[in-house]
């Protein structure tokens, strides 16, 4: 695993990614940061936690709508790939965040 840092809402997060995935994860982080900033403008005055939840719901809605319009075999293959890899990445990221909180 390779270590990178991404910045989302002016906060830096260290991540571990598979070799070769560094540029993709930077692009994903920029996409997420942009979405959060757009939501923050739209819901000015709301706490960052609320902005993050609303953004997650918005992104999840987009994903569900895309999946809903996919043929079933593609959807099943995508589910296995996406949710297996995303689940692993999320677990790793959560562990990293917990680790960084415990060291403070």
PDB file of N, CA and C in Angstrom:
ATOM      1  N   UNK A   1       0.842  -1.176   0.000  1.00  0.00           N
ATOM      2  CA  UNK A   1       0.000   0.000   0.000  1.00  0.00           C
ATOM      3  C   UNK A   1       0.894   1.249   0.000  1.00  0.00           C
ATOM      4  N   UNK A   2       0.445   2.260  -0.722  1.00  0.00           N
ATOM      5  CA  UNK A   2       1.151   3.540  -0.774  1.00  0.00           C
ATOM      6  C   UNK A   2       0.390   4.573   0.040  1.00  0.00           C
ATOM      7  N   UNK A   3       1.111   5.480   0.644  1.00  0.00           N
ATOM      8  CA  UNK A   3       0.493   6.543   1.442  1.00  0.00           C
ATOM      9  C   UNK A   3       0.365   7.808   0.605  1.00  0.00           C
ATOM     10  N   UNK A   4      -0.803   8.441   0.699  1.00  0.00           N
ATOM     11  CA  UNK A   4      -1.027   9.738   0.073  1.00  0.00           C
ATOM     12  C   UNK A   4      -1.794  10.603   1.068  1.00  0.00           C
ATOM     13  N   UNK A   5      -1.867  11.876   0.770  1.00  0.00           N
ATOM     14  CA  UNK A   5      -2.686  12.794   1.563  1.00  0.00           C
ATOM     15  C   UNK A   5      -3.662  13.466   0.626  1.00  0.00           C
ATOM     16  N   UNK A   6      -4.917  13.552   1.066  1.00  0.00           N
ATOM     17  CA  UNK A   6      -5.941  14.265   0.301  1.00  0.00           C
ATOM     18  C   UNK A   6      -6.498  15.360   1.198  1.00  0.00           C
ATOM     19  N   UNK A   7      -6.984  16.423   0.572  1.00  0.00           N
ATOM     20  CA  UNK A   7      -7.562  17.532   1.322  1.00  0.00           C
ATOM     21  C   UNK A   7      -9.038  17.658   0.961  1.00  0.00           C
ATOM     22  N   UNK A   8      -9.860  17.621   1.996  1.00  0.00           N
ATOM     23  CA  UNK A   8     -11.301  17.768   1.815  1.00  0.00           C
ATOM     24  C   UNK A   8     -11.787  18.786   2.839  1.00  0.00           C
ATOM     25  N   UNK A   9     -12.455  19.814   2.348  1.00  0.00           N
ATOM     26  CA  UNK A   9     -12.910  20.931   3.189  1.00  0.00           C
ATOM     27  C   UNK A   9     -11.773  21.458   4.073  1.00  0.00           C
ATOM     28  N   UNK A  10     -10.634  21.715   3.441  1.00  0.00           N
ATOM     29  CA  UNK A  10      -9.461  22.297   4.099  1.00  0.00           C
ATOM     30  C   UNK A  10      -8.854  21.418   5.192  1.00  0.00           C
ATOM     31  N   UNK A  11      -9.224  20.151   5.237  1.00  0.00           N
ATOM     32  CA  UNK A  11      -8.639  19.241   6.207  1.00  0.00           C
ATOM     33  C   UNK A  11      -7.918  18.140   5.447  1.00  0.00           C
ATOM     34  N   UNK A  12      -6.700  17.855   5.877  1.00  0.00           N
ATOM     35  CA  UNK A  12      -5.907  16.850   5.198  1.00  0.00           C
ATOM     36  C   UNK A  12      -6.137  15.480   5.836  1.00  0.00           C
ATOM     37  N   UNK A  13      -6.287  14.468   4.976  1.00  0.00           N
ATOM     38  CA  UNK A  13      -6.505  13.102   5.420  1.00  0.00           C
ATOM     39  C   UNK A  13      -5.435  12.195   4.818  1.00  0.00           C
ATOM     40  N   UNK A  14      -4.717  11.448   5.652  1.00  0.00           N
ATOM     41  CA  UNK A  14      -3.766  10.483   5.109  1.00  0.00           C
ATOM     42  C   UNK A  14      -4.523   9.218   4.702  1.00  0.00           C
ATOM     43  N   UNK A  15      -4.190   8.684   3.544  1.00  0.00           N
ATOM     44  CA  UNK A  15      -4.833   7.467   3.050  1.00  0.00           C
ATOM     45  C   UNK A  15      -3.786   6.478   2.575  1.00  0.00           C
ATOM     46  N   UNK A  16      -4.109   5.221   2.653  1.00  0.00           N
ATOM     47  CA  UNK A  16      -3.284   4.182   2.049  1.00  0.00           C
ATOM     48  C   UNK A  16      -4.062   3.639   0.862  1.00  0.00           C
ATOM     49  N   UNK A  17      -3.403   3.588  -0.289  1.00  0.00           N
ATOM     50  CA  UNK A  17      -4.046   3.136  -1.520  1.00  0.00           C
ATOM     51  C   UNK A  17      -3.175   2.088  -2.199  1.00  0.00           C
ATOM     52  N   UNK A  18      -3.799   1.324  -3.050  1.00  0.00           N
ATOM     53  CA  UNK A  18      -3.070   0.331  -3.824  1.00  0.00           C
ATOM     54  C   UNK A  18      -2.086   1.040  -4.746  1.00  0.00           C
ATOM     55  N   UNK A  19      -0.930   0.440  -4.981  1.00  0.00           N
ATOM     56  CA  UNK A  19       0.016   1.038  -5.935  1.00  0.00           C
ATOM     57  C   UNK A  19      -0.663   1.262  -7.289  1.00  0.00           C
ATOM     58  N   UNK A  20      -0.487   2.444  -7.827  1.00  0.00           N
ATOM     59  CA  UNK A  20      -1.097   2.796  -9.104  1.00  0.00           C
ATOM     60  C   UNK A  20      -2.439   3.503  -8.965  1.00  0.00           C
ATOM     61  N   UNK A  21      -3.020   3.502  -7.758  1.00  0.00           N
ATOM     62  CA  UNK A  21      -4.322   4.145  -7.536  1.00  0.00           C
ATOM     63  C   UNK A  21      -4.200   5.559  -6.974  1.00  0.00           C
ATOM     64  N   UNK A  22      -2.980   6.063  -6.833  1.00  0.00           N
ATOM     65  CA  UNK A  22      -2.777   7.365  -6.205  1.00  0.00           C
ATOM     66  C   UNK A  22      -3.498   8.484  -6.961  1.00  0.00           C
ATOM     67  N   UNK A  23      -3.315   8.540  -8.265  1.00  0.00           N
ATOM     68  CA  UNK A  23      -3.928   9.616  -9.066  1.00  0.00           C
ATOM     69  C   UNK A  23      -5.453   9.506  -9.037  1.00  0.00           C
ATOM     70  N   UNK A  24      -5.963   8.286  -9.120  1.00  0.00           N
ATOM     71  CA  UNK A  24      -7.414   8.089  -9.078  1.00  0.00           C
ATOM     72  C   UNK A  24      -7.985   8.570  -7.746  1.00  0.00           C
ATOM     73  N   UNK A  25      -7.333   8.202  -6.638  1.00  0.00           N
ATOM     74  CA  UNK A  25      -7.840   8.607  -5.333  1.00  0.00           C
ATOM     75  C   UNK A  25      -7.755  10.120  -5.153  1.00  0.00           C
ATOM     76  N   UNK A  26      -6.711  10.754  -5.697  1.00  0.00           N
ATOM     77  CA  UNK A  26      -6.627  12.217  -5.645  1.00  0.00           C
ATOM     78  C   UNK A  26      -7.797  12.833  -6.416  1.00  0.00           C
ATOM     79  N   UNK A  27      -8.103  12.255  -7.568  1.00  0.00           N
ATOM     80  CA  UNK A  27      -9.220  12.756  -8.377  1.00  0.00           C
ATOM     81  C   UNK A  27     -10.549  12.562  -7.652  1.00  0.00           C
ATOM     82  N   UNK A  28     -10.714  11.408  -7.025  1.00  0.00           N
ATOM     83  CA  UNK A  28     -11.934  11.133  -6.253  1.00  0.00           C
ATOM     84  C   UNK A  28     -12.050  12.133  -5.102  1.00  0.00           C
ATOM     85  N   UNK A  29     -10.953  12.372  -4.405  1.00  0.00           N
ATOM     86  CA  UNK A  29     -10.971  13.312  -3.285  1.00  0.00           C
ATOM     87  C   UNK A  29     -11.328  14.722  -3.756  1.00  0.00           C
ATOM     88  N   UNK A  30     -10.805  15.125  -4.905  1.00  0.00           N
ATOM     89  CA  UNK A  30     -11.145  16.439  -5.452  1.00  0.00           C
ATOM     90  C   UNK A  30     -12.628  16.507  -5.799  1.00  0.00           C
ATOM     91  N   UNK A  31     -13.160  15.423  -6.340  1.00  0.00           N
ATOM     92  CA  UNK A  31     -14.587  15.362  -6.667  1.00  0.00           C
ATOM     93  C   UNK A  31     -15.428  15.499  -5.393  1.00  0.00           C
ATOM     94  N   UNK A  32     -15.052  14.768  -4.358  1.00  0.00           N
ATOM     95  CA  UNK A  32     -15.780  14.820  -3.086  1.00  0.00           C
ATOM     96  C   UNK A  32     -15.672  16.218  -2.480  1.00  0.00           C
ATOM     97  N   UNK A  33     -14.467  16.790  -2.493  1.00  0.00           N
ATOM     98  CA  UNK A  33     -14.276  18.131  -1.956  1.00  0.00           C
ATOM     99  C   UNK A  33     -15.166  19.141  -2.687  1.00  0.00           C
ATOM    100  N   UNK A  34     -15.197  19.041  -4.008  1.00  0.00           N
ATOM    101  CA  UNK A  34     -16.027  19.958  -4.799  1.00  0.00           C
ATOM    102  C   UNK A  34     -17.503  19.800  -4.434  1.00  0.00           C
ATOM    103  N   UNK A  35     -17.965  18.554  -4.311  1.00  0.00           N
ATOM    104  CA  UNK A  35     -19.372  18.305  -3.952  1.00  0.00           C
ATOM    105  C   UNK A  35     -19.679  18.873  -2.570  1.00  0.00           C
ATOM    106  N   UNK A  36     -18.790  18.666  -1.625  1.00  0.00           N
ATOM    107  CA  UNK A  36     -19.017  19.194  -0.277  1.00  0.00           C
ATOM    108  C   UNK A  36     -19.046  20.715  -0.274  1.00  0.00           C
ATOM    109  N   UNK A  37     -18.165  21.332  -1.036  1.00  0.00           N
ATOM    110  CA  UNK A  37     -18.147  22.799  -1.110  1.00  0.00           C
ATOM    111  C   UNK A  37     -19.434  23.342  -1.739  1.00  0.00           C
ATOM    112  N   UNK A  38     -19.936  22.645  -2.764  1.00  0.00           N
ATOM    113  CA  UNK A  38     -21.205  23.059  -3.382  1.00  0.00           C
ATOM    114  C   UNK A  38     -22.343  22.950  -2.375  1.00  0.00           C
ATOM    115  N   UNK A  39     -22.381  21.856  -1.634  1.00  0.00           N
ATOM    116  CA  UNK A  39     -23.425  21.678  -0.615  1.00  0.00           C
ATOM    117  C   UNK A  39     -23.295  22.727   0.479  1.00  0.00           C
ATOM    118  N   UNK A  40     -22.052  23.032   0.841  1.00  0.00           N
ATOM    119  CA  UNK A  40     -21.815  24.027   1.895  1.00  0.00           C
ATOM    120  C   UNK A  40     -22.350  25.397   1.477  1.00  0.00           C
ATOM    121  N   UNK A  41     -22.179  25.743   0.204  1.00  0.00           N
ATOM    122  CA  UNK A  41     -22.724  27.005  -0.304  1.00  0.00           C
ATOM    123  C   UNK A  41     -24.250  26.978  -0.268  1.00  0.00           C
ATOM    124  N   UNK A  42     -24.808  25.847  -0.684  1.00  0.00           N
ATOM    125  CA  UNK A  42     -26.270  25.721  -0.760  1.00  0.00           C
ATOM    126  C   UNK A  42     -26.916  25.710   0.630  1.00  0.00           C
ATOM    127  N   UNK A  43     -26.215  25.106   1.590  1.00  0.00           N
ATOM    128  CA  UNK A  43     -26.749  25.008   2.952  1.00  0.00           C
ATOM    129  C   UNK A  43     -25.867  25.805   3.915  1.00  0.00           C
ATOM    130  N   UNK A  44     -25.637  27.057   3.576  1.00  0.00           N
ATOM    131  CA  UNK A  44     -24.781  27.926   4.386  1.00  0.00           C
ATOM    132  C   UNK A  44     -25.250  27.927   5.836  1.00  0.00           C
ATOM    133  N   UNK A  45     -24.296  27.890   6.734  1.00  0.00           N
ATOM    134  CA  UNK A  45     -24.619  27.933   8.157  1.00  0.00           C
ATOM    135  C   UNK A  45     -24.790  26.567   8.787  1.00  0.00           C
ATOM    136  N   UNK A  46     -24.901  25.519   7.975  1.00  0.00           N
ATOM    137  CA  UNK A  46     -25.049  24.175   8.530  1.00  0.00           C
ATOM    138  C   UNK A  46     -23.676  23.641   8.946  1.00  0.00           C
ATOM    139  N   UNK A  47     -23.636  22.812   9.988  1.00  0.00           N
ATOM    140  CA  UNK A  47     -22.341  22.244  10.403  1.00  0.00           C
ATOM    141  C   UNK A  47     -21.784  21.291   9.332  1.00  0.00           C
ATOM    142  N   UNK A  48     -20.470  21.110   9.344  1.00  0.00           N
ATOM    143  CA  UNK A  48     -19.832  20.239   8.362  1.00  0.00           C
ATOM    144  C   UNK A  48     -20.377  18.816   8.395  1.00  0.00           C
ATOM    145  N   UNK A  49     -20.730  18.318   9.581  1.00  0.00           N
ATOM    146  CA  UNK A  49     -21.293  16.962   9.660  1.00  0.00           C
ATOM    147  C   UNK A  49     -22.575  16.858   8.835  1.00  0.00           C
ATOM    148  N   UNK A  50     -23.422  17.853   8.922  1.00  0.00           N
ATOM    149  CA  UNK A  50     -24.668  17.862   8.155  1.00  0.00           C
ATOM    150  C   UNK A  50     -24.362  17.940   6.663  1.00  0.00           C
ATOM    151  N   UNK A  51     -23.423  18.788   6.297  1.00  0.00           N
ATOM    152  CA  UNK A  51     -23.025  18.920   4.891  1.00  0.00           C
ATOM    153  C   UNK A  51     -22.512  17.582   4.364  1.00  0.00           C
ATOM    154  N   UNK A  52     -21.699  16.897   5.166  1.00  0.00           N
ATOM    155  CA  UNK A  52     -21.147  15.612   4.737  1.00  0.00           C
ATOM    156  C   UNK A  52     -22.238  14.568   4.550  1.00  0.00           C
ATOM    157  N   UNK A  53     -23.182  14.509   5.459  1.00  0.00           N
ATOM    158  CA  UNK A  53     -24.270  13.534   5.343  1.00  0.00           C
ATOM    159  C   UNK A  53     -25.123  13.833   4.116  1.00  0.00           C
ATOM    160  N   UNK A  54     -25.469  15.091   3.910  1.00  0.00           N
ATOM    161  CA  UNK A  54     -26.269  15.455   2.733  1.00  0.00           C
ATOM    162  C   UNK A  54     -25.529  15.127   1.439  1.00  0.00           C
ATOM    163  N   UNK A  55     -24.224  15.363   1.429  1.00  0.00           N
ATOM    164  CA  UNK A  55     -23.419  15.042   0.248  1.00  0.00           C
ATOM    165  C   UNK A  55     -23.371  13.538   0.013  1.00  0.00           C
ATOM    166  N   UNK A  56     -23.198  12.778   1.075  1.00  0.00           N
ATOM    167  CA  UNK A  56     -23.196  11.309   0.947  1.00  0.00           C
ATOM    168  C   UNK A  56     -24.526  10.814   0.399  1.00  0.00           C
ATOM    169  N   UNK A  57     -25.605  11.354   0.901  1.00  0.00           N
ATOM    170  CA  UNK A  57     -26.923  10.952   0.401  1.00  0.00           C
ATOM    171  C   UNK A  57     -27.091  11.304  -1.070  1.00  0.00           C
ATOM    172  N   UNK A  58     -26.624  12.470  -1.449  1.00  0.00           N
ATOM    173  CA  UNK A  58     -26.708  12.888  -2.846  1.00  0.00           C
ATOM    174  C   UNK A  58     -25.891  11.969  -3.754  1.00  0.00           C
ATOM    175  N   UNK A  59     -24.664  11.654  -3.344  1.00  0.00           N
ATOM    176  CA  UNK A  59     -23.821  10.752  -4.127  1.00  0.00           C
ATOM    177  C   UNK A  59     -24.408   9.340  -4.179  1.00  0.00           C
ATOM    178  N   UNK A  60     -24.930   8.875  -3.058  1.00  0.00           N
ATOM    179  CA  UNK A  60     -25.551   7.544  -3.026  1.00  0.00           C
ATOM    180  C   UNK A  60     -26.774   7.494  -3.946  1.00  0.00           C
ATOM    181  N   UNK A  61     -27.550   8.572  -3.967  1.00  0.00           N
ATOM    182  CA  UNK A  61     -28.703   8.629  -4.857  1.00  0.00           C
ATOM    183  C   UNK A  61     -28.268   8.511  -6.315  1.00  0.00           C
ATOM    184  N   UNK A  62     -27.210   9.226  -6.682  1.00  0.00           N
ATOM    185  CA  UNK A  62     -26.696   9.141  -8.046  1.00  0.00           C
ATOM    186  C   UNK A  62     -26.251   7.717  -8.379  1.00  0.00           C
ATOM    187  N   UNK A  63     -25.554   7.082  -7.443  1.00  0.00           N
ATOM    188  CA  UNK A  63     -25.089   5.713  -7.648  1.00  0.00           C
ATOM    189  C   UNK A  63     -26.269   4.758  -7.809  1.00  0.00           C
ATOM    190  N   UNK A  64     -27.269   4.890  -6.964  1.00  0.00           N
ATOM    191  CA  UNK A  64     -28.440   4.020  -7.042  1.00  0.00           C
ATOM    192  C   UNK A  64     -29.182   4.210  -8.359  1.00  0.00           C
ATOM    193  N   UNK A  65     -29.309   5.457  -8.810  1.00  0.00           N
ATOM    194  CA  UNK A  65     -29.987   5.702 -10.086  1.00  0.00           C
ATOM    195  C   UNK A  65     -29.207   5.108 -11.252  1.00  0.00           C
ATOM    196  N   UNK A  66     -27.883   5.217 -11.214  1.00  0.00           N
ATOM    197  CA  UNK A  66     -27.063   4.600 -12.255  1.00  0.00           C
ATOM    198  C   UNK A  66     -27.216   3.087 -12.246  1.00  0.00           C
ATOM    199  N   UNK A  67     -27.152   2.506 -11.055  1.00  0.00           N
ATOM    200  CA  UNK A  67     -27.277   1.052 -10.936  1.00  0.00           C
ATOM    201  C   UNK A  67     -28.655   0.565 -11.373  1.00  0.00           C
ATOM    202  N   UNK A  68     -29.664   1.337 -11.075  1.00  0.00           N
ATOM    203  CA  UNK A  68     -31.034   0.949 -11.411  1.00  0.00           C
ATOM    204  C   UNK A  68     -31.220   0.805 -12.922  1.00  0.00           C
ATOM    205  N   UNK A  69     -30.466   1.586 -13.685  1.00  0.00           N
ATOM    206  CA  UNK A  69     -30.595   1.567 -15.140  1.00  0.00           C
ATOM    207  C   UNK A  69     -29.606   0.628 -15.824  1.00  0.00           C
ATOM    208  N   UNK A  70     -28.848  -0.143 -15.047  1.00  0.00           N
ATOM    209  CA  UNK A  70     -27.902  -1.100 -15.631  1.00  0.00           C
ATOM    210  C   UNK A  70     -28.572  -2.454 -15.836  1.00  0.00           C
ATOM    211  N   UNK A  71     -28.144  -3.167 -16.873  1.00  0.00           N
ATOM    212  CA  UNK A  71     -28.636  -4.541 -17.020  1.00  0.00           C
ATOM    213  C   UNK A  71     -28.217  -5.368 -15.806  1.00  0.00           C
ATOM    214  N   UNK A  72     -29.023  -6.346 -15.429  1.00  0.00           N
ATOM    215  CA  UNK A  72     -28.791  -7.109 -14.198  1.00  0.00           C
ATOM    216  C   UNK A  72     -27.406  -7.764 -14.114  1.00  0.00           C
ATOM    217  N   UNK A  73     -26.901  -8.430 -15.170  1.00  0.00           N
ATOM    218  CA  UNK A  73     -25.566  -9.041 -15.026  1.00  0.00           C
ATOM    219  C   UNK A  73     -24.467  -8.008 -14.756  1.00  0.00           C
ATOM    220  N   UNK A  74     -24.559  -6.853 -15.386  1.00  0.00           N
ATOM    221  CA  UNK A  74     -23.571  -5.802 -15.154  1.00  0.00           C
ATOM    222  C   UNK A  74     -23.708  -5.289 -13.730  1.00  0.00           C
ATOM    223  N   UNK A  75     -24.943  -5.133 -13.270  1.00  0.00           N
ATOM    224  CA  UNK A  75     -25.200  -4.650 -11.921  1.00  0.00           C
ATOM    225  C   UNK A  75     -24.611  -5.605 -10.885  1.00  0.00           C
ATOM    226  N   UNK A  76     -24.801  -6.907 -11.067  1.00  0.00           N
ATOM    227  CA  UNK A  76     -24.274  -7.882 -10.107  1.00  0.00           C
ATOM    228  C   UNK A  76     -22.748  -7.860 -10.084  1.00  0.00           C
ATOM    229  N   UNK A  77     -22.144  -7.803 -11.254  1.00  0.00           N
ATOM    230  CA  UNK A  77     -20.681  -7.763 -11.329  1.00  0.00           C
ATOM    231  C   UNK A  77     -20.157  -6.473 -10.701  1.00  0.00           C
ATOM    232  N   UNK A  78     -20.830  -5.365 -10.991  1.00  0.00           N
ATOM    233  CA  UNK A  78     -20.419  -4.083 -10.439  1.00  0.00           C
ATOM    234  C   UNK A  78     -20.571  -4.075  -8.924  1.00  0.00           C
ATOM    235  N   UNK A  79     -21.668  -4.636  -8.436  1.00  0.00           N
ATOM    236  CA  UNK A  79     -21.873  -4.727  -6.988  1.00  0.00           C
ATOM    237  C   UNK A  79     -20.721  -5.456  -6.321  1.00  0.00           C
ATOM    238  N   UNK A  80     -20.376  -6.605  -6.856  1.00  0.00           N
ATOM    239  CA  UNK A  80     -19.307  -7.404  -6.262  1.00  0.00           C
ATOM    240  C   UNK A  80     -17.997  -6.631  -6.269  1.00  0.00           C
ATOM    241  N   UNK A  81     -17.696  -6.016  -7.393  1.00  0.00           N
ATOM    242  CA  UNK A  81     -16.450  -5.266  -7.513  1.00  0.00           C
ATOM    243  C   UNK A  81     -16.453  -4.017  -6.647  1.00  0.00           C
ATOM    244  N   UNK A  82     -17.469  -3.187  -6.841  1.00  0.00           N
ATOM    245  CA  UNK A  82     -17.534  -1.916  -6.135  1.00  0.00           C
ATOM    246  C   UNK A  82     -17.628  -2.080  -4.634  1.00  0.00           C
ATOM    247  N   UNK A  83     -18.595  -2.838  -4.199  1.00  0.00           N
ATOM    248  CA  UNK A  83     -18.848  -2.895  -2.775  1.00  0.00           C
ATOM    249  C   UNK A  83     -17.787  -3.691  -2.034  1.00  0.00           C
ATOM    250  N   UNK A  84     -17.167  -4.649  -2.692  1.00  0.00           N
ATOM    251  CA  UNK A  84     -16.052  -5.344  -2.068  1.00  0.00           C
ATOM    252  C   UNK A  84     -14.865  -4.423  -1.902  1.00  0.00           C
ATOM    253  N   UNK A  85     -14.492  -3.733  -2.984  1.00  0.00           N
ATOM    254  CA  UNK A  85     -13.334  -2.826  -2.951  1.00  0.00           C
ATOM    255  C   UNK A  85     -13.629  -1.607  -2.084  1.00  0.00           C
ATOM    256  N   UNK A  86     -14.805  -1.014  -2.251  1.00  0.00           N
ATOM    257  CA  UNK A  86     -15.158   0.174  -1.460  1.00  0.00           C
ATOM    258  C   UNK A  86     -15.204  -0.176   0.019  1.00  0.00           C
ATOM    259  N   UNK A  87     -15.760  -1.321   0.333  1.00  0.00           N
ATOM    260  CA  UNK A  87     -15.836  -1.743   1.730  1.00  0.00           C
ATOM    261  C   UNK A  87     -14.443  -1.876   2.335  1.00  0.00           C
ATOM    262  N   UNK A  88     -13.541  -2.482   1.588  1.00  0.00           N
ATOM    263  CA  UNK A  88     -12.162  -2.631   2.055  1.00  0.00           C
ATOM    264  C   UNK A  88     -11.509  -1.274   2.237  1.00  0.00           C
ATOM    265  N   UNK A  89     -11.667  -0.398   1.234  1.00  0.00           N
ATOM    266  CA  UNK A  89     -11.069   0.937   1.311  1.00  0.00           C
ATOM    267  C   UNK A  89     -11.648   1.737   2.477  1.00  0.00           C
ATOM    268  N   UNK A  90     -12.959   1.649   2.669  1.00  0.00           N
ATOM    269  CA  UNK A  90     -13.591   2.386   3.768  1.00  0.00           C
ATOM    270  C   UNK A  90     -13.097   1.875   5.121  1.00  0.00           C
ATOM    271  N   UNK A  91     -13.011   0.554   5.256  1.00  0.00           N
ATOM    272  CA  UNK A  91     -12.499   0.001   6.511  1.00  0.00           C
ATOM    273  C   UNK A  91     -11.082   0.490   6.781  1.00  0.00           C
ATOM    274  N   UNK A  92     -10.238   0.469   5.747  1.00  0.00           N
ATOM    275  CA  UNK A  92      -8.857   0.945   5.903  1.00  0.00           C
ATOM    276  C   UNK A  92      -8.833   2.423   6.289  1.00  0.00           C
ATOM    277  N   UNK A  93      -9.656   3.232   5.623  1.00  0.00           N
ATOM    278  CA  UNK A  93      -9.700   4.664   5.908  1.00  0.00           C
ATOM    279  C   UNK A  93     -10.199   4.931   7.322  1.00  0.00           C
ATOM    280  N   UNK A  94     -11.239   4.233   7.736  1.00  0.00           N
ATOM    281  CA  UNK A  94     -11.779   4.398   9.094  1.00  0.00           C
ATOM    282  C   UNK A  94     -10.727   4.012  10.124  1.00  0.00           C
ATOM    283  N   UNK A  95     -10.018   2.912   9.872  1.00  0.00           N
ATOM    284  CA  UNK A  95      -8.957   2.498  10.788  1.00  0.00           C
ATOM    285  C   UNK A  95      -7.874   3.565  10.877  1.00  0.00           C
ATOM    286  N   UNK A  96      -7.528   4.171   9.729  1.00  0.00           N
ATOM    287  CA  UNK A  96      -6.506   5.220   9.721  1.00  0.00           C
ATOM    288  C   UNK A  96      -6.974   6.437  10.504  1.00  0.00           C
ATOM    289  N   UNK A  97      -8.220   6.822  10.305  1.00  0.00           N
ATOM    290  CA  UNK A  97      -8.765   7.987  11.021  1.00  0.00           C
ATOM    291  C   UNK A  97      -8.800   7.706  12.515  1.00  0.00           C
ATOM    292  N   UNK A  98      -9.253   6.518  12.890  1.00  0.00           N
ATOM    293  CA  UNK A  98      -9.274   6.166  14.314  1.00  0.00           C
ATOM    294  C   UNK A  98      -7.864   6.191  14.897  1.00  0.00           C
ATOM    295  N   UNK A  99      -6.906   5.681  14.125  1.00  0.00           N
ATOM    296  CA  UNK A  99      -5.520   5.675  14.572  1.00  0.00           C
ATOM    297  C   UNK A  99      -4.966   7.072  14.770  1.00  0.00           C
ATOM    298  N   UNK A 100      -5.318   7.988  13.851  1.00  0.00           N
ATOM    299  CA  UNK A 100      -4.807   9.356  13.972  1.00  0.00           C
ATOM    300  C   UNK A 100      -5.465  10.087  15.140  1.00  0.00           C
ATOM    301  N   UNK A 101      -6.700   9.742  15.461  1.00  0.00           N
ATOM    302  CA  UNK A 101      -7.371  10.362  16.624  1.00  0.00           C
ATOM    303  C   UNK A 101      -6.759   9.857  17.918  1.00  0.00           C
ATOM    304  N   UNK A 102      -6.379   8.573  17.946  1.00  0.00           N
ATOM    305  CA  UNK A 102      -5.808   7.995  19.159  1.00  0.00           C
ATOM    306  C   UNK A 102      -4.408   8.510  19.451  1.00  0.00           C
ATOM    307  N   UNK A 103      -3.735   9.025  18.436  1.00  0.00           N
ATOM    308  CA  UNK A 103      -2.374   9.530  18.646  1.00  0.00           C
ATOM    309  C   UNK A 103      -2.359  10.985  19.055  1.00  0.00           C
ATOM    310  N   UNK A 104      -3.510  11.632  19.080  1.00  0.00           N
ATOM    311  CA  UNK A 104      -3.565  13.064  19.449  1.00  0.00           C
ATOM    312  C   UNK A 104      -3.757  13.227  20.929  1.00  0.00           C
TER     313      UNK A 104
END
